[in-house]
Amino acid sequence: IYSRIVAVGNVAGSSAGDLIARDNAGVLWLY
């Protein structure tokens, strides 16, 4: 469902790496 998935590192402040994903409507999500 995502047009782009990006490994961004630890942007959420936890101890592990995070992902961001952009859906086809242009909404960006944090995992």
PDB file of all heavy atoms in Angstrom:
ATOM      1  N   ILE A   1       0.836  -1.217   0.000  1.00  0.00           N
ATOM      2  CA  ILE A   1       0.000   0.000   0.000  1.00  0.00           C
ATOM      3  C   ILE A   1       0.863   1.256   0.000  1.00  0.00           C
ATOM      4  O   ILE A   1       0.345   2.362  -0.109  1.00  0.00           O
ATOM      5  CB  ILE A   1      -0.973   0.032   1.199  1.00  0.00           C
ATOM      6  CG1 ILE A   1      -0.208   0.137   2.523  1.00  0.00           C
ATOM      7  CG2 ILE A   1      -1.903  -1.174   1.177  1.00  0.00           C
ATOM      8  CD1 ILE A   1      -1.089   0.429   3.722  1.00  0.00           C
ATOM      9  N   TYR A   2       2.181   1.072   0.101  1.00  0.00           N
ATOM     10  CA  TYR A   2       3.082   2.218   0.182  1.00  0.00           C
ATOM     11  C   TYR A   2       3.850   2.424  -1.120  1.00  0.00           C
ATOM     12  O   TYR A   2       4.351   1.479  -1.717  1.00  0.00           O
ATOM     13  CB  TYR A   2       4.078   2.040   1.335  1.00  0.00           C
ATOM     14  CG  TYR A   2       3.377   1.970   2.669  1.00  0.00           C
ATOM     15  CD1 TYR A   2       3.369   0.788   3.400  1.00  0.00           C
ATOM     16  CD2 TYR A   2       2.696   3.068   3.175  1.00  0.00           C
ATOM     17  CE1 TYR A   2       2.719   0.712   4.618  1.00  0.00           C
ATOM     18  CE2 TYR A   2       2.035   3.005   4.385  1.00  0.00           C
ATOM     19  CZ  TYR A   2       2.049   1.819   5.095  1.00  0.00           C
ATOM     20  OH  TYR A   2       1.388   1.752   6.293  1.00  0.00           O
ATOM     21  N   SER A   3       3.948   3.694  -1.526  1.00  0.00           N
ATOM     22  CA  SER A   3       4.725   4.041  -2.711  1.00  0.00           C
ATOM     23  C   SER A   3       6.198   4.257  -2.372  1.00  0.00           C
ATOM     24  O   SER A   3       7.044   4.256  -3.261  1.00  0.00           O
ATOM     25  CB  SER A   3       4.161   5.304  -3.366  1.00  0.00           C
ATOM     26  OG  SER A   3       4.209   6.403  -2.463  1.00  0.00           O
ATOM     27  N   ARG A   4       6.491   4.430  -1.101  1.00  0.00           N
ATOM     28  CA  ARG A   4       7.877   4.629  -0.661  1.00  0.00           C
ATOM     29  C   ARG A   4       8.011   4.150   0.777  1.00  0.00           C
ATOM     30  O   ARG A   4       7.170   4.444   1.616  1.00  0.00           O
ATOM     31  CB  ARG A   4       8.235   6.107  -0.754  1.00  0.00           C
ATOM     32  CG  ARG A   4       9.610   6.494  -0.336  1.00  0.00           C
ATOM     33  CD  ARG A   4      10.639   6.442  -1.417  1.00  0.00           C
ATOM     34  NE  ARG A   4      10.254   7.259  -2.544  1.00  0.00           N
ATOM     35  CZ  ARG A   4      10.692   7.011  -3.770  1.00  0.00           C
ATOM     36  NH1 ARG A   4      11.492   6.029  -4.006  1.00  0.00           N
ATOM     37  NH2 ARG A   4      10.323   7.776  -4.764  1.00  0.00           N
ATOM     38  N   ILE A   5       9.088   3.403   1.048  1.00  0.00           N
ATOM     39  CA  ILE A   5       9.429   2.968   2.406  1.00  0.00           C
ATOM     40  C   ILE A   5      10.875   3.388   2.628  1.00  0.00           C
ATOM     41  O   ILE A   5      11.743   3.087   1.807  1.00  0.00           O
ATOM     42  CB  ILE A   5       9.284   1.445   2.585  1.00  0.00           C
ATOM     43  CG1 ILE A   5       7.842   1.008   2.312  1.00  0.00           C
ATOM     44  CG2 ILE A   5       9.705   1.032   3.989  1.00  0.00           C
ATOM     45  CD1 ILE A   5       7.658  -0.493   2.240  1.00  0.00           C
ATOM     46  N   VAL A   6      11.140   4.094   3.730  1.00  0.00           N
ATOM     47  CA  VAL A   6      12.471   4.646   3.973  1.00  0.00           C
ATOM     48  C   VAL A   6      12.954   4.259   5.375  1.00  0.00           C
ATOM     49  O   VAL A   6      12.245   4.469   6.361  1.00  0.00           O
ATOM     50  CB  VAL A   6      12.467   6.189   3.844  1.00  0.00           C
ATOM     51  CG1 VAL A   6      13.843   6.773   4.104  1.00  0.00           C
ATOM     52  CG2 VAL A   6      11.946   6.620   2.475  1.00  0.00           C
ATOM     53  N   ALA A   7      14.158   3.710   5.434  1.00  0.00           N
ATOM     54  CA  ALA A   7      14.816   3.452   6.710  1.00  0.00           C
ATOM     55  C   ALA A   7      15.433   4.774   7.175  1.00  0.00           C
ATOM     56  O   ALA A   7      16.298   5.319   6.503  1.00  0.00           O
ATOM     57  CB  ALA A   7      15.890   2.390   6.548  1.00  0.00           C
ATOM     58  N   VAL A   8      14.952   5.287   8.291  1.00  0.00           N
ATOM     59  CA  VAL A   8      15.392   6.611   8.732  1.00  0.00           C
ATOM     60  C   VAL A   8      16.225   6.596   9.999  1.00  0.00           C
ATOM     61  O   VAL A   8      16.682   7.640  10.449  1.00  0.00           O
ATOM     62  CB  VAL A   8      14.185   7.561   8.934  1.00  0.00           C
ATOM     63  CG1 VAL A   8      13.582   7.953   7.612  1.00  0.00           C
ATOM     64  CG2 VAL A   8      13.141   6.957   9.859  1.00  0.00           C
ATOM     65  N   GLY A   9      16.452   5.431  10.580  1.00  0.00           N
ATOM     66  CA  GLY A   9      17.169   5.398  11.845  1.00  0.00           C
ATOM     67  C   GLY A   9      16.195   5.593  12.988  1.00  0.00           C
ATOM     68  O   GLY A   9      14.985   5.469  12.844  1.00  0.00           O
ATOM     69  N   ASN A  10      16.712   5.947  14.133  1.00  0.00           N
ATOM     70  CA  ASN A  10      15.920   6.057  15.349  1.00  0.00           C
ATOM     71  C   ASN A  10      15.321   7.457  15.482  1.00  0.00           C
ATOM     72  O   ASN A  10      15.766   8.268  16.275  1.00  0.00           O
ATOM     73  CB  ASN A  10      16.820   5.715  16.546  1.00  0.00           C
ATOM     74  CG  ASN A  10      16.130   5.913  17.858  1.00  0.00           C
ATOM     75  OD1 ASN A  10      14.920   5.940  17.932  1.00  0.00           O
ATOM     76  ND2 ASN A  10      16.913   6.063  18.906  1.00  0.00           N
ATOM     77  N   VAL A  11      14.296   7.771  14.692  1.00  0.00           N
ATOM     78  CA  VAL A  11      13.683   9.100  14.764  1.00  0.00           C
ATOM     79  C   VAL A  11      12.668   9.224  15.901  1.00  0.00           C
ATOM     80  O   VAL A  11      12.307  10.325  16.278  1.00  0.00           O
ATOM     81  CB  VAL A  11      13.013   9.522  13.435  1.00  0.00           C
ATOM     82  CG1 VAL A  11      14.027   9.650  12.336  1.00  0.00           C
ATOM     83  CG2 VAL A  11      11.894   8.593  13.045  1.00  0.00           C
ATOM     84  N   ALA A  12      12.213   8.087  16.447  1.00  0.00           N
ATOM     85  CA  ALA A  12      11.176   8.128  17.486  1.00  0.00           C
ATOM     86  C   ALA A  12      11.735   8.137  18.899  1.00  0.00           C
ATOM     87  O   ALA A  12      10.979   8.224  19.856  1.00  0.00           O
ATOM     88  CB  ALA A  12      10.222   6.949  17.316  1.00  0.00           C
ATOM     89  N   GLY A  13      13.049   8.017  19.047  1.00  0.00           N
ATOM     90  CA  GLY A  13      13.647   8.095  20.374  1.00  0.00           C
ATOM     91  C   GLY A  13      13.732   6.773  21.104  1.00  0.00           C
ATOM     92  O   GLY A  13      14.035   6.756  22.298  1.00  0.00           O
ATOM     93  N   SER A  14      13.475   5.666  20.429  1.00  0.00           N
ATOM     94  CA  SER A  14      13.586   4.356  21.078  1.00  0.00           C
ATOM     95  C   SER A  14      15.009   3.822  20.894  1.00  0.00           C
ATOM     96  O   SER A  14      15.896   4.543  20.462  1.00  0.00           O
ATOM     97  CB  SER A  14      12.559   3.391  20.483  1.00  0.00           C
ATOM     98  OG  SER A  14      12.852   3.147  19.125  1.00  0.00           O
ATOM     99  N   SER A  15      15.205   2.545  21.177  1.00  0.00           N
ATOM    100  CA  SER A  15      16.554   1.991  21.041  1.00  0.00           C
ATOM    101  C   SER A  15      16.766   1.267  19.722  1.00  0.00           C
ATOM    102  O   SER A  15      17.819   0.687  19.508  1.00  0.00           O
ATOM    103  CB  SER A  15      16.806   1.002  22.191  1.00  0.00           C
ATOM    104  OG  SER A  15      15.905  -0.085  22.086  1.00  0.00           O
ATOM    105  N   ALA A  16      15.791   1.274  18.824  1.00  0.00           N
ATOM    106  CA  ALA A  16      15.910   0.553  17.562  1.00  0.00           C
ATOM    107  C   ALA A  16      15.568   1.468  16.393  1.00  0.00           C
ATOM    108  O   ALA A  16      14.942   2.513  16.563  1.00  0.00           O
ATOM    109  CB  ALA A  16      14.982  -0.653  17.564  1.00  0.00           C
ATOM    110  N   GLY A  17      15.967   1.033  15.208  1.00  0.00           N
ATOM    111  CA  GLY A  17      15.692   1.806  14.003  1.00  0.00           C
ATOM    112  C   GLY A  17      14.215   1.831  13.655  1.00  0.00           C
ATOM    113  O   GLY A  17      13.468   0.901  13.971  1.00  0.00           O
ATOM    114  N   ASP A  18      13.796   2.888  13.001  1.00  0.00           N
ATOM    115  CA  ASP A  18      12.409   3.092  12.610  1.00  0.00           C
ATOM    116  C   ASP A  18      12.303   3.171  11.088  1.00  0.00           C
ATOM    117  O   ASP A  18      13.300   3.383  10.391  1.00  0.00           O
ATOM    118  CB  ASP A  18      11.870   4.399  13.205  1.00  0.00           C
ATOM    119  CG  ASP A  18      12.016   4.465  14.713  1.00  0.00           C
ATOM    120  OD1 ASP A  18      11.807   3.433  15.374  1.00  0.00           O
ATOM    121  OD2 ASP A  18      12.358   5.547  15.228  1.00  0.00           O
ATOM    122  N   LEU A  19      11.084   3.051  10.592  1.00  0.00           N
ATOM    123  CA  LEU A  19      10.777   3.217   9.179  1.00  0.00           C
ATOM    124  C   LEU A  19       9.731   4.296   9.025  1.00  0.00           C
ATOM    125  O   LEU A  19       8.889   4.484   9.903  1.00  0.00           O
ATOM    126  CB  LEU A  19      10.179   1.934   8.589  1.00  0.00           C
ATOM    127  CG  LEU A  19      11.015   0.693   8.495  1.00  0.00           C
ATOM    128  CD1 LEU A  19      10.177  -0.445   7.910  1.00  0.00           C
ATOM    129  CD2 LEU A  19      12.234   0.936   7.649  1.00  0.00           C
ATOM    130  N   ILE A  20       9.776   4.973   7.887  1.00  0.00           N
ATOM    131  CA  ILE A  20       8.643   5.793   7.478  1.00  0.00           C
ATOM    132  C   ILE A  20       8.139   5.218   6.166  1.00  0.00           C
ATOM    133  O   ILE A  20       8.909   4.643   5.392  1.00  0.00           O
ATOM    134  CB  ILE A  20       8.987   7.294   7.344  1.00  0.00           C
ATOM    135  CG1 ILE A  20      10.126   7.525   6.351  1.00  0.00           C
ATOM    136  CG2 ILE A  20       9.296   7.914   8.695  1.00  0.00           C
ATOM    137  CD1 ILE A  20      10.332   8.983   5.997  1.00  0.00           C
ATOM    138  N   ALA A  21       6.850   5.339   5.939  1.00  0.00           N
ATOM    139  CA  ALA A  21       6.245   4.806   4.732  1.00  0.00           C
ATOM    140  C   ALA A  21       5.207   5.804   4.236  1.00  0.00           C
ATOM    141  O   ALA A  21       4.417   6.330   5.013  1.00  0.00           O
ATOM    142  CB  ALA A  21       5.603   3.453   5.010  1.00  0.00           C
ATOM    143  N   ARG A  22       5.231   6.048   2.919  1.00  0.00           N
ATOM    144  CA  ARG A  22       4.269   6.974   2.308  1.00  0.00           C
ATOM    145  C   ARG A  22       3.249   6.165   1.520  1.00  0.00           C
ATOM    146  O   ARG A  22       3.623   5.357   0.660  1.00  0.00           O
ATOM    147  CB  ARG A  22       4.997   7.947   1.378  1.00  0.00           C
ATOM    148  CG  ARG A  22       4.046   8.962   0.743  1.00  0.00           C
ATOM    149  CD  ARG A  22       4.751   9.859  -0.228  1.00  0.00           C
ATOM    150  NE  ARG A  22       5.201   9.080  -1.380  1.00  0.00           N
ATOM    151  CZ  ARG A  22       6.132   9.512  -2.233  1.00  0.00           C
ATOM    152  NH1 ARG A  22       6.719  10.668  -2.064  1.00  0.00           N
ATOM    153  NH2 ARG A  22       6.480   8.760  -3.262  1.00  0.00           N
ATOM    154  N   ASP A  23       1.969   6.378   1.818  1.00  0.00           N
ATOM    155  CA  ASP A  23       0.938   5.651   1.083  1.00  0.00           C
ATOM    156  C   ASP A  23       0.643   6.365  -0.236  1.00  0.00           C
ATOM    157  O   ASP A  23       1.186   7.438  -0.521  1.00  0.00           O
ATOM    158  CB  ASP A  23      -0.311   5.418   1.933  1.00  0.00           C
ATOM    159  CG  ASP A  23      -1.075   6.680   2.310  1.00  0.00           C
ATOM    160  OD1 ASP A  23      -0.972   7.711   1.613  1.00  0.00           O
ATOM    161  OD2 ASP A  23      -1.808   6.628   3.319  1.00  0.00           O
ATOM    162  N   ASN A  24      -0.202   5.761  -1.056  1.00  0.00           N
ATOM    163  CA  ASN A  24      -0.474   6.301  -2.392  1.00  0.00           C
ATOM    164  C   ASN A  24      -1.215   7.625  -2.366  1.00  0.00           C
ATOM    165  O   ASN A  24      -1.208   8.357  -3.354  1.00  0.00           O
ATOM    166  CB  ASN A  24      -1.236   5.266  -3.222  1.00  0.00           C
ATOM    167  CG  ASN A  24      -0.351   4.081  -3.560  1.00  0.00           C
ATOM    168  OD1 ASN A  24       0.834   4.228  -3.813  1.00  0.00           O
ATOM    169  ND2 ASN A  24      -0.934   2.891  -3.546  1.00  0.00           N
ATOM    170  N   ALA A  25      -1.835   7.969  -1.235  1.00  0.00           N
ATOM    171  CA  ALA A  25      -2.511   9.261  -1.095  1.00  0.00           C
ATOM    172  C   ALA A  25      -1.549  10.359  -0.634  1.00  0.00           C
ATOM    173  O   ALA A  25      -1.937  11.515  -0.523  1.00  0.00           O
ATOM    174  CB  ALA A  25      -3.674   9.146  -0.119  1.00  0.00           C
ATOM    175  N   GLY A  26      -0.289  10.001  -0.334  1.00  0.00           N
ATOM    176  CA  GLY A  26       0.690  10.985   0.111  1.00  0.00           C
ATOM    177  C   GLY A  26       0.786  11.144   1.613  1.00  0.00           C
ATOM    178  O   GLY A  26       1.473  12.040   2.101  1.00  0.00           O
ATOM    179  N   VAL A  27       0.109  10.287   2.378  1.00  0.00           N
ATOM    180  CA  VAL A  27       0.181  10.348   3.839  1.00  0.00           C
ATOM    181  C   VAL A  27       1.433   9.599   4.289  1.00  0.00           C
ATOM    182  O   VAL A  27       1.704   8.484   3.832  1.00  0.00           O
ATOM    183  CB  VAL A  27      -1.081   9.739   4.484  1.00  0.00           C
ATOM    184  CG1 VAL A  27      -0.967   9.731   6.010  1.00  0.00           C
ATOM    185  CG2 VAL A  27      -2.324  10.507   4.045  1.00  0.00           C
ATOM    186  N   LEU A  28       2.195  10.223   5.190  1.00  0.00           N
ATOM    187  CA  LEU A  28       3.413   9.624   5.711  1.00  0.00           C
ATOM    188  C   LEU A  28       3.118   8.994   7.064  1.00  0.00           C
ATOM    189  O   LEU A  28       2.445   9.591   7.911  1.00  0.00           O
ATOM    190  CB  LEU A  28       4.513  10.679   5.854  1.00  0.00           C
ATOM    191  CG  LEU A  28       5.931  10.147   6.029  1.00  0.00           C
ATOM    192  CD1 LEU A  28       6.388   9.395   4.781  1.00  0.00           C
ATOM    193  CD2 LEU A  28       6.893  11.284   6.334  1.00  0.00           C
ATOM    194  N   TRP A  29       3.640   7.770   7.262  1.00  0.00           N
ATOM    195  CA  TRP A  29       3.415   6.995   8.475  1.00  0.00           C
ATOM    196  C   TRP A  29       4.742   6.629   9.102  1.00  0.00           C
ATOM    197  O   TRP A  29       5.727   6.393   8.402  1.00  0.00           O
ATOM    198  CB  TRP A  29       2.652   5.713   8.144  1.00  0.00           C
ATOM    199  CG  TRP A  29       1.315   5.952   7.523  1.00  0.00           C
ATOM    200  CD1 TRP A  29       1.041   6.076   6.183  1.00  0.00           C
ATOM    201  CD2 TRP A  29       0.075   6.116   8.193  1.00  0.00           C
ATOM    202  NE1 TRP A  29      -0.294   6.302   5.989  1.00  0.00           N
ATOM    203  CE2 TRP A  29      -0.915   6.329   7.207  1.00  0.00           C
ATOM    204  CE3 TRP A  29      -0.297   6.098   9.532  1.00  0.00           C
ATOM    205  CZ2 TRP A  29      -2.256   6.515   7.525  1.00  0.00           C
ATOM    206  CZ3 TRP A  29      -1.634   6.285   9.844  1.00  0.00           C
ATOM    207  CH2 TRP A  29      -2.602   6.494   8.854  1.00  0.00           C
ATOM    208  N   LEU A  30       4.771   6.558  10.427  1.00  0.00           N
ATOM    209  CA  LEU A  30       5.950   6.146  11.179  1.00  0.00           C
ATOM    210  C   LEU A  30       5.722   4.749  11.733  1.00  0.00           C
ATOM    211  O   LEU A  30       4.685   4.471  12.340  1.00  0.00           O
ATOM    212  CB  LEU A  30       6.207   7.110  12.344  1.00  0.00           C
ATOM    213  CG  LEU A  30       7.282   6.698  13.360  1.00  0.00           C
ATOM    214  CD1 LEU A  30       8.661   6.686  12.712  1.00  0.00           C
ATOM    215  CD2 LEU A  30       7.259   7.624  14.567  1.00  0.00           C
ATOM    216  N   TYR A  31       6.697   3.880  11.514  1.00  0.00           N
ATOM    217  CA  TYR A  31       6.729   2.552  12.125  1.00  0.00           C
ATOM    218  C   TYR A  31       7.910   2.529  13.086  1.00  0.00           C
ATOM    219  O   TYR A  31       9.065   2.502  12.662  1.00  0.00           O
ATOM    220  CB  TYR A  31       6.887   1.463  11.065  1.00  0.00           C
ATOM    221  CG  TYR A  31       5.618   1.183  10.301  1.00  0.00           C
ATOM    222  CD1 TYR A  31       5.298   1.901   9.157  1.00  0.00           C
ATOM    223  CD2 TYR A  31       4.743   0.201  10.734  1.00  0.00           C
ATOM    224  CE1 TYR A  31       4.141   1.639   8.453  1.00  0.00           C
ATOM    225  CE2 TYR A  31       3.572  -0.064  10.038  1.00  0.00           C
ATOM    226  CZ  TYR A  31       3.275   0.651   8.897  1.00  0.00           C
ATOM    227  OH  TYR A  31       2.122   0.393   8.200  1.00  0.00           O
TER     228      TYR A  31
END
